[in-house]
Amino acid sequence: MNILYVKPDEVGEKQIQVTSPEDIRHLSKVLRAKVGDKVPVSDGSEWEYVGRIEEISEDGIVLSIVDKQKHGRELSYHVELFQGVPKSPKLELIVRKSVELGASAITPVYMDRCVNKPSGREEKKLVRLQKIADEAVKQCLSPRTPIVHEYLTFNDALNIFSEFDFVIFPYENEENVTLKDFLLTEACREKKISGKIPRIAVLIGPEGGFSTDEVEKLESLGIRPVSLGKSILRTETAGPATLAMLMYAFEL
């Protein structure tokens, strides 16, 4: 049976209260779960449970907790994707594939060469994108539910990068340093063997790429560009490709 994802506030000391109409319908109608069945449950953060169904009704499902343990599928690194806002509906595909490839969070960023500009409909779009992320995490059985953060300007994103150990900035005009070179640097190797989970930000430009001004601002912060290889990738490919390379470097 697939993992049931619930909110942390639905988990008590001895019981789990399933209140989402979608989850209630999925368990009772699709999976045909019945009283006495055991269900794997995740609270979307650090714990996973085995719950036994005690009650089923249209208003909710009650499970008693029969086992609780720390997640065993945590990645050895934390990565967040900062994605230059692409044309619709590419962002939905990017969110889905990025979650499958280990992104802990996705933040859309308005940049100089974005075709789509702020519209006032961002909040509605975020609801849709978060739902896609929630669906994707169920597919890949990730222990944590990724967050789709509110849209940022490029300058706002720059202010956040100081929170990360590394910022990976793939740039089509970079000819000397590849992502592989970066991952083999002494600083990166030390983080990998230190036992501490490195925090990594990946910044991807929109269809038109990065403007000269944006590149200069990044480099002024000591954030150096890297190449993803000889091919120039589409914006909807570059992010997932970078995440896949990180997964190979840190997990395999």
Foldseek 3Di string as FASTA:
>chain_A
DFEAEAAPVQDDPWKGKFADLVSLCCQCPVVVDDAQDWHWYANQDFKIFIWGWHDHDSRITMTTTPDMDTDPPDFLAAEEEEAADEPPPLVLLLLLLLLLLHHQEYEYEHADPHPDDDDVCQVVVLVVSLVSQVVSCRVNVDRHRHHYDGYYYLVVVVVVVVVFPAEAEAALPDDDAAPVNVCPDPSNVCSLPVSHHGYYYYYFHYQVTHDPVSQVVCVVVVHDYHHHDDDDDHSSPVSSSVSNVVCVSRPD
